[in-house]
Each structure stands twice: as C-alpha cells, then as structure tokens.
Amino acid sequence: MGALAKRLWSDERRAEAAEALAKLGERYGLIYLGHAGCGGCRVFGPLLRAFATRHGIDVLAVSLTGEALEGWPEAVPDNGRAAQLGLAGAPVPAVVLFDTKTKQVLPVGFGVMAEDQLAMRIFTLTALETGHDY
C-alpha cells in the first residue's frame, strides 16, 4: 500500500507543479547569470532556454563577462546587475526568480540542474505554503 500511496502523491505533485509553472509568467520572471567560459553554463544555458520556452517563462540572461551565453545570444552584459541582486561572486550558472509583485529576488539554484529539479524548486518557492512540505 505504501508504494501506491507514494505513486499517487508523486503524480499529484507533478500535476500541481505543472499547473503552477503554467501560471508562473503572470507574476514571475527568471534571471539567469552565466559567463562564456563556464562549462556548466554551456550545458545549462540551452536546457534553460528549452525549459523557459516550454513553460512560457520570460528570462533575462545576464553575461558576467559581457559575451553571448550558450543558448542566449541576446544575453545582456552584467553592468553591476549581479551586485544589485545580491549575487556578486555567486557560483554560475545561477538562476533566480524575480517577483514582479514584491520586487523580491528568490534564488532557485546554482550550478547545473535538470529540468525536473528546476521545476520542483520553482514550484516549492512559488506555490507551496511555508511548512507544507518543509
């Protein structure tokens, strides 16, 4: 019975996360920090592009070196943005949520993440009530 209950919970959680991601763009955008010489950024950049396209999420890609990022030729130069976000010196690739309602920055993750991990982190930050699971 335990395995069945876990499966039902997992299926329900995936459905909740998909619904939350579908609505994410109404309030949040993502900010992606990377640099051209970062091996993890070369892997993660295209993955993030596919994720954002699939879920209709706006992303501001910021290049810490001012060069184009893999998957993000339109990346803008840092020009102090990382410091303004409180992310100066943070490991890259870095992804944060920007809440357009509260103007808050919520760190999602640092380093290469799989799409399902990215989705669950965003879901946890934006849709779960504090104390619900953690």
N, C-alpha and C. Protein backbone atom coordinates (compact mmCIF):
# COMPACT_ATOMS: atom_id res chain seq x y z
N MET A 1 0.82 -1.20 0.00
CA MET A 1 0.00 0.00 0.00
C MET A 1 0.86 1.26 0.00
N GLY A 2 2.02 1.22 0.68
CA GLY A 2 2.88 2.38 0.75
C GLY A 2 3.37 2.84 -0.61
N ALA A 3 3.72 1.89 -1.49
CA ALA A 3 4.20 2.24 -2.82
C ALA A 3 3.10 2.90 -3.64
N LEU A 4 1.88 2.43 -3.50
CA LEU A 4 0.76 3.01 -4.24
C LEU A 4 0.49 4.43 -3.75
N ALA A 5 0.52 4.62 -2.45
CA ALA A 5 0.30 5.95 -1.89
C ALA A 5 1.37 6.92 -2.35
N LYS A 6 2.62 6.47 -2.35
CA LYS A 6 3.72 7.33 -2.82
C LYS A 6 3.53 7.68 -4.29
N ARG A 7 3.13 6.72 -5.09
CA ARG A 7 2.91 6.96 -6.52
C ARG A 7 1.80 7.99 -6.73
N LEU A 8 0.70 7.85 -6.00
CA LEU A 8 -0.41 8.79 -6.11
C LEU A 8 0.04 10.19 -5.69
N TRP A 9 0.80 10.28 -4.59
CA TRP A 9 1.29 11.57 -4.12
C TRP A 9 2.21 12.20 -5.17
N SER A 10 3.11 11.40 -5.74
CA SER A 10 4.05 11.89 -6.76
C SER A 10 3.31 12.38 -8.00
N ASP A 11 2.31 11.63 -8.44
CA ASP A 11 1.53 12.04 -9.61
C ASP A 11 0.79 13.35 -9.33
N GLU A 12 0.22 13.46 -8.14
CA GLU A 12 -0.49 14.68 -7.77
C GLU A 12 0.47 15.87 -7.70
N ARG A 13 1.65 15.64 -7.14
CA ARG A 13 2.64 16.71 -7.02
C ARG A 13 3.09 17.20 -8.39
N ARG A 14 3.32 16.28 -9.33
CA ARG A 14 3.72 16.66 -10.69
C ARG A 14 2.63 17.50 -11.36
N ALA A 15 1.37 17.12 -11.15
CA ALA A 15 0.26 17.88 -11.73
C ALA A 15 0.18 19.28 -11.12
N GLU A 16 0.38 19.38 -9.80
CA GLU A 16 0.37 20.68 -9.14
C GLU A 16 1.52 21.56 -9.65
N ALA A 17 2.68 20.97 -9.82
CA ALA A 17 3.84 21.71 -10.31
C ALA A 17 3.61 22.19 -11.73
N ALA A 18 3.04 21.35 -12.58
CA ALA A 18 2.77 21.74 -13.97
C ALA A 18 1.78 22.91 -14.01
N GLU A 19 0.77 22.87 -13.16
CA GLU A 19 -0.21 23.95 -13.10
C GLU A 19 0.44 25.25 -12.62
N ALA A 20 1.29 25.15 -11.60
CA ALA A 20 1.98 26.34 -11.09
C ALA A 20 2.92 26.93 -12.14
N LEU A 21 3.64 26.08 -12.88
CA LEU A 21 4.54 26.57 -13.92
C LEU A 21 3.77 27.24 -15.04
N ALA A 22 2.59 26.74 -15.35
CA ALA A 22 1.78 27.34 -16.42
C ALA A 22 1.37 28.77 -16.06
N LYS A 23 1.22 29.05 -14.78
CA LYS A 23 0.81 30.38 -14.32
C LYS A 23 1.99 31.26 -13.90
N LEU A 24 3.18 30.71 -13.88
CA LEU A 24 4.35 31.40 -13.33
C LEU A 24 4.59 32.76 -13.98
N GLY A 25 4.49 32.83 -15.31
CA GLY A 25 4.79 34.05 -16.04
C GLY A 25 3.88 35.22 -15.71
N GLU A 26 2.75 34.95 -15.05
CA GLU A 26 1.84 36.03 -14.67
C GLU A 26 2.44 36.93 -13.60
N ARG A 27 3.35 36.37 -12.81
CA ARG A 27 3.92 37.13 -11.69
C ARG A 27 5.44 37.13 -11.65
N TYR A 28 6.06 36.07 -12.17
CA TYR A 28 7.49 35.90 -12.02
C TYR A 28 8.22 35.86 -13.36
N GLY A 29 9.47 36.22 -13.32
CA GLY A 29 10.39 36.01 -14.42
C GLY A 29 11.64 35.37 -13.85
N LEU A 30 12.47 34.82 -14.71
CA LEU A 30 13.73 34.24 -14.27
C LEU A 30 14.88 35.13 -14.69
N ILE A 31 15.90 35.19 -13.87
CA ILE A 31 17.15 35.85 -14.22
C ILE A 31 18.21 34.77 -14.19
N TYR A 32 18.93 34.67 -15.28
CA TYR A 32 19.97 33.65 -15.44
C TYR A 32 21.31 34.36 -15.52
N LEU A 33 22.23 33.99 -14.64
CA LEU A 33 23.58 34.56 -14.65
C LEU A 33 24.57 33.50 -15.11
N GLY A 34 25.43 33.86 -16.03
CA GLY A 34 26.44 32.94 -16.50
C GLY A 34 27.60 33.69 -17.13
N HIS A 35 28.59 32.94 -17.59
CA HIS A 35 29.67 33.57 -18.37
C HIS A 35 30.15 32.58 -19.43
N ALA A 36 30.71 33.12 -20.48
CA ALA A 36 31.06 32.34 -21.66
C ALA A 36 32.07 31.24 -21.38
N GLY A 37 32.96 31.40 -20.42
CA GLY A 37 33.98 30.40 -20.14
C GLY A 37 33.54 29.31 -19.17
N CYS A 38 32.31 29.33 -18.75
CA CYS A 38 31.78 28.39 -17.76
C CYS A 38 31.26 27.13 -18.44
N GLY A 39 31.89 25.97 -18.15
CA GLY A 39 31.45 24.71 -18.74
C GLY A 39 30.03 24.36 -18.37
N GLY A 40 29.66 24.58 -17.11
CA GLY A 40 28.29 24.31 -16.68
C GLY A 40 27.28 25.19 -17.39
N CYS A 41 27.67 26.44 -17.68
CA CYS A 41 26.79 27.37 -18.39
C CYS A 41 26.55 26.90 -19.83
N ARG A 42 27.57 26.31 -20.43
CA ARG A 42 27.42 25.80 -21.81
C ARG A 42 26.41 24.66 -21.86
N VAL A 43 26.33 23.89 -20.79
CA VAL A 43 25.35 22.79 -20.72
C VAL A 43 23.99 23.32 -20.29
N PHE A 44 23.98 24.15 -19.27
CA PHE A 44 22.72 24.59 -18.67
C PHE A 44 21.97 25.62 -19.50
N GLY A 45 22.69 26.49 -20.21
CA GLY A 45 22.04 27.55 -20.99
C GLY A 45 20.99 27.02 -21.96
N PRO A 46 21.32 26.06 -22.83
CA PRO A 46 20.32 25.52 -23.75
C PRO A 46 19.18 24.79 -23.02
N LEU A 47 19.50 24.13 -21.92
CA LEU A 47 18.46 23.44 -21.15
C LEU A 47 17.47 24.46 -20.58
N LEU A 48 17.99 25.56 -20.05
CA LEU A 48 17.12 26.60 -19.50
C LEU A 48 16.28 27.24 -20.61
N ARG A 49 16.87 27.44 -21.77
CA ARG A 49 16.12 28.01 -22.91
C ARG A 49 14.93 27.11 -23.25
N ALA A 50 15.16 25.81 -23.34
CA ALA A 50 14.08 24.87 -23.66
C ALA A 50 13.01 24.87 -22.56
N PHE A 51 13.44 24.88 -21.32
CA PHE A 51 12.52 24.91 -20.17
C PHE A 51 11.65 26.17 -20.22
N ALA A 52 12.26 27.31 -20.40
CA ALA A 52 11.54 28.58 -20.42
C ALA A 52 10.56 28.65 -21.59
N THR A 53 10.98 28.16 -22.75
CA THR A 53 10.10 28.15 -23.92
C THR A 53 8.90 27.25 -23.68
N ARG A 54 9.16 26.06 -23.15
CA ARG A 54 8.10 25.08 -22.90
C ARG A 54 7.05 25.62 -21.92
N HIS A 55 7.50 26.41 -20.94
CA HIS A 55 6.58 26.89 -19.90
C HIS A 55 6.18 28.35 -20.06
N GLY A 56 6.64 29.00 -21.12
CA GLY A 56 6.25 30.39 -21.36
C GLY A 56 6.76 31.35 -20.31
N ILE A 57 7.98 31.14 -19.86
CA ILE A 57 8.56 31.97 -18.80
C ILE A 57 9.58 32.92 -19.42
N ASP A 58 9.49 34.20 -19.06
CA ASP A 58 10.46 35.18 -19.52
C ASP A 58 11.76 35.03 -18.73
N VAL A 59 12.87 35.13 -19.45
CA VAL A 59 14.18 35.01 -18.82
C VAL A 59 15.04 36.20 -19.24
N LEU A 60 15.67 36.83 -18.27
CA LEU A 60 16.69 37.83 -18.53
C LEU A 60 18.02 37.13 -18.34
N ALA A 61 18.74 36.90 -19.43
CA ALA A 61 20.05 36.26 -19.35
C ALA A 61 21.10 37.36 -19.20
N VAL A 62 21.93 37.21 -18.18
CA VAL A 62 22.95 38.20 -17.87
C VAL A 62 24.32 37.54 -17.98
N SER A 63 25.16 38.09 -18.84
CA SER A 63 26.50 37.57 -19.03
C SER A 63 27.47 38.34 -18.14
N LEU A 64 28.12 37.64 -17.24
CA LEU A 64 29.05 38.28 -16.33
C LEU A 64 30.30 38.79 -17.05
N THR A 65 30.59 38.22 -18.23
CA THR A 65 31.76 38.66 -19.00
C THR A 65 31.36 39.56 -20.17
N GLY A 66 30.07 39.75 -20.39
CA GLY A 66 29.61 40.59 -21.50
C GLY A 66 29.52 39.87 -22.83
N GLU A 67 29.93 38.60 -22.87
CA GLU A 67 29.87 37.83 -24.11
C GLU A 67 28.56 37.05 -24.18
N ALA A 68 28.20 36.62 -25.40
CA ALA A 68 27.00 35.80 -25.57
C ALA A 68 27.13 34.52 -24.75
N LEU A 69 26.01 34.04 -24.24
CA LEU A 69 25.98 32.79 -23.50
C LEU A 69 25.41 31.70 -24.38
N GLU A 70 25.86 30.48 -24.18
CA GLU A 70 25.35 29.35 -24.95
C GLU A 70 23.83 29.27 -24.77
N GLY A 71 23.12 29.32 -25.89
CA GLY A 71 21.66 29.30 -25.84
C GLY A 71 21.03 30.66 -25.64
N TRP A 72 21.83 31.67 -25.36
CA TRP A 72 21.33 33.01 -25.06
C TRP A 72 22.17 34.08 -25.77
N PRO A 73 22.11 34.13 -27.09
CA PRO A 73 22.90 35.14 -27.80
C PRO A 73 22.50 36.57 -27.45
N GLU A 74 21.29 36.73 -26.95
CA GLU A 74 20.79 38.06 -26.59
C GLU A 74 21.13 38.46 -25.15
N ALA A 75 21.95 37.66 -24.47
CA ALA A 75 22.32 37.96 -23.08
C ALA A 75 22.86 39.39 -22.97
N VAL A 76 22.47 40.05 -21.90
CA VAL A 76 22.92 41.43 -21.68
C VAL A 76 24.15 41.40 -20.78
N PRO A 77 25.04 42.40 -20.92
CA PRO A 77 26.20 42.47 -20.04
C PRO A 77 25.77 42.73 -18.60
N ASP A 78 26.55 42.24 -17.67
CA ASP A 78 26.24 42.36 -16.24
C ASP A 78 26.07 43.82 -15.82
N ASN A 79 27.05 44.66 -16.08
CA ASN A 79 26.99 46.09 -15.71
C ASN A 79 26.48 46.32 -14.29
N GLY A 80 26.88 45.47 -13.35
CA GLY A 80 26.50 45.65 -11.96
C GLY A 80 25.20 44.97 -11.55
N ARG A 81 24.53 44.30 -12.47
CA ARG A 81 23.26 43.66 -12.14
C ARG A 81 23.40 42.59 -11.05
N ALA A 82 24.44 41.76 -11.16
CA ALA A 82 24.64 40.69 -10.17
C ALA A 82 24.76 41.29 -8.77
N ALA A 83 25.51 42.37 -8.64
CA ALA A 83 25.67 43.01 -7.34
C ALA A 83 24.33 43.57 -6.85
N GLN A 84 23.55 44.18 -7.73
CA GLN A 84 22.25 44.73 -7.35
C GLN A 84 21.31 43.62 -6.85
N LEU A 85 21.47 42.42 -7.39
CA LEU A 85 20.63 41.29 -6.99
C LEU A 85 21.17 40.59 -5.74
N GLY A 86 22.33 41.04 -5.26
CA GLY A 86 22.95 40.39 -4.11
C GLY A 86 23.68 39.12 -4.50
N LEU A 87 24.06 39.01 -5.79
CA LEU A 87 24.67 37.78 -6.29
C LEU A 87 26.09 37.97 -6.79
N ALA A 88 26.73 39.05 -6.41
CA ALA A 88 28.11 39.26 -6.82
C ALA A 88 28.97 38.12 -6.27
N GLY A 89 29.73 37.48 -7.12
CA GLY A 89 30.59 36.38 -6.72
C GLY A 89 29.88 35.05 -6.56
N ALA A 90 28.58 34.98 -6.87
CA ALA A 90 27.83 33.72 -6.74
C ALA A 90 28.33 32.72 -7.78
N PRO A 91 28.28 31.43 -7.46
CA PRO A 91 28.68 30.43 -8.46
C PRO A 91 27.71 30.44 -9.64
N VAL A 92 28.23 30.14 -10.81
CA VAL A 92 27.40 30.09 -12.01
C VAL A 92 27.43 28.68 -12.61
N PRO A 93 26.42 28.33 -13.36
CA PRO A 93 25.24 29.11 -13.67
C PRO A 93 24.37 29.34 -12.44
N ALA A 94 23.70 30.47 -12.42
CA ALA A 94 22.80 30.83 -11.33
C ALA A 94 21.45 31.21 -11.91
N VAL A 95 20.40 30.78 -11.25
CA VAL A 95 19.03 31.13 -11.66
C VAL A 95 18.28 31.65 -10.45
N VAL A 96 17.64 32.79 -10.63
CA VAL A 96 16.80 33.36 -9.58
C VAL A 96 15.45 33.72 -10.17
N LEU A 97 14.45 33.71 -9.32
CA LEU A 97 13.13 34.20 -9.69
C LEU A 97 13.05 35.67 -9.32
N PHE A 98 12.40 36.44 -10.17
CA PHE A 98 12.12 37.84 -9.83
C PHE A 98 10.61 37.96 -9.70
N ASP A 99 10.16 38.35 -8.52
CA ASP A 99 8.74 38.52 -8.24
C ASP A 99 8.35 39.94 -8.62
N THR A 100 7.57 40.09 -9.68
CA THR A 100 7.20 41.42 -10.16
C THR A 100 6.25 42.13 -9.21
N LYS A 101 5.58 41.38 -8.34
CA LYS A 101 4.65 41.98 -7.39
C LYS A 101 5.39 42.58 -6.19
N THR A 102 6.31 41.82 -5.61
CA THR A 102 7.02 42.28 -4.42
C THR A 102 8.40 42.85 -4.73
N LYS A 103 8.86 42.68 -5.97
CA LYS A 103 10.20 43.11 -6.41
C LYS A 103 11.30 42.34 -5.68
N GLN A 104 11.00 41.15 -5.18
CA GLN A 104 11.98 40.32 -4.48
C GLN A 104 12.67 39.38 -5.45
N VAL A 105 13.89 39.03 -5.08
CA VAL A 105 14.67 38.05 -5.82
C VAL A 105 14.73 36.79 -4.96
N LEU A 106 14.35 35.66 -5.56
CA LEU A 106 14.35 34.38 -4.85
C LEU A 106 15.33 33.43 -5.54
N PRO A 107 16.44 33.10 -4.90
CA PRO A 107 17.38 32.17 -5.53
C PRO A 107 16.72 30.81 -5.79
N VAL A 108 16.89 30.30 -6.99
CA VAL A 108 16.36 28.98 -7.37
C VAL A 108 17.47 27.95 -7.27
N GLY A 109 18.64 28.26 -7.82
CA GLY A 109 19.73 27.30 -7.75
C GLY A 109 21.00 27.81 -8.38
N PHE A 110 22.08 27.15 -8.01
CA PHE A 110 23.41 27.48 -8.52
C PHE A 110 24.03 26.19 -9.03
N GLY A 111 24.59 26.24 -10.22
CA GLY A 111 25.13 25.04 -10.83
C GLY A 111 24.13 24.44 -11.81
N VAL A 112 24.55 23.40 -12.49
CA VAL A 112 23.70 22.76 -13.49
C VAL A 112 22.59 21.99 -12.77
N MET A 113 21.37 22.19 -13.23
CA MET A 113 20.21 21.49 -12.69
C MET A 113 19.45 20.83 -13.83
N ALA A 114 18.87 19.68 -13.57
CA ALA A 114 18.00 19.02 -14.53
C ALA A 114 16.67 19.77 -14.55
N GLU A 115 15.92 19.63 -15.64
CA GLU A 115 14.65 20.34 -15.77
C GLU A 115 13.67 20.00 -14.66
N ASP A 116 13.58 18.74 -14.27
CA ASP A 116 12.63 18.37 -13.22
C ASP A 116 13.03 18.99 -11.88
N GLN A 117 14.33 19.08 -11.63
CA GLN A 117 14.81 19.70 -10.40
C GLN A 117 14.51 21.20 -10.42
N LEU A 118 14.73 21.84 -11.54
CA LEU A 118 14.42 23.26 -11.71
C LEU A 118 12.93 23.50 -11.48
N ALA A 119 12.10 22.67 -12.08
CA ALA A 119 10.64 22.81 -11.94
C ALA A 119 10.21 22.66 -10.49
N MET A 120 10.74 21.66 -9.79
CA MET A 120 10.33 21.43 -8.41
C MET A 120 10.83 22.54 -7.48
N ARG A 121 12.00 23.08 -7.75
CA ARG A 121 12.48 24.20 -6.93
C ARG A 121 11.60 25.43 -7.12
N ILE A 122 11.25 25.72 -8.36
CA ILE A 122 10.38 26.86 -8.64
C ILE A 122 9.01 26.65 -8.00
N PHE A 123 8.47 25.45 -8.14
CA PHE A 123 7.18 25.12 -7.53
C PHE A 123 7.24 25.31 -6.02
N THR A 124 8.28 24.83 -5.39
CA THR A 124 8.43 24.94 -3.94
C THR A 124 8.48 26.41 -3.51
N LEU A 125 9.19 27.22 -4.26
CA LEU A 125 9.33 28.64 -3.91
C LEU A 125 8.06 29.46 -4.15
N THR A 126 7.29 29.07 -5.15
CA THR A 126 6.17 29.93 -5.56
C THR A 126 4.79 29.40 -5.21
N ALA A 127 4.64 28.11 -4.99
CA ALA A 127 3.30 27.56 -4.84
C ALA A 127 3.03 26.85 -3.51
N LEU A 128 4.07 26.42 -2.82
CA LEU A 128 3.84 25.72 -1.55
C LEU A 128 3.79 26.71 -0.40
N GLU A 129 2.88 26.47 0.51
CA GLU A 129 2.82 27.30 1.70
C GLU A 129 3.97 26.89 2.62
N THR A 130 4.49 27.86 3.33
CA THR A 130 5.57 27.57 4.28
C THR A 130 5.07 26.53 5.28
N GLY A 131 5.86 25.50 5.49
CA GLY A 131 5.51 24.43 6.41
C GLY A 131 4.71 23.30 5.78
N HIS A 132 4.32 23.46 4.50
CA HIS A 132 3.51 22.44 3.86
C HIS A 132 4.29 21.14 3.69
N ASP A 133 5.48 21.22 3.14
CA ASP A 133 6.31 20.04 2.95
C ASP A 133 7.63 20.17 3.70
N TYR A 134 8.03 21.38 4.00
CA TYR A 134 9.36 21.60 4.58
C TYR A 134 9.26 22.33 5.89
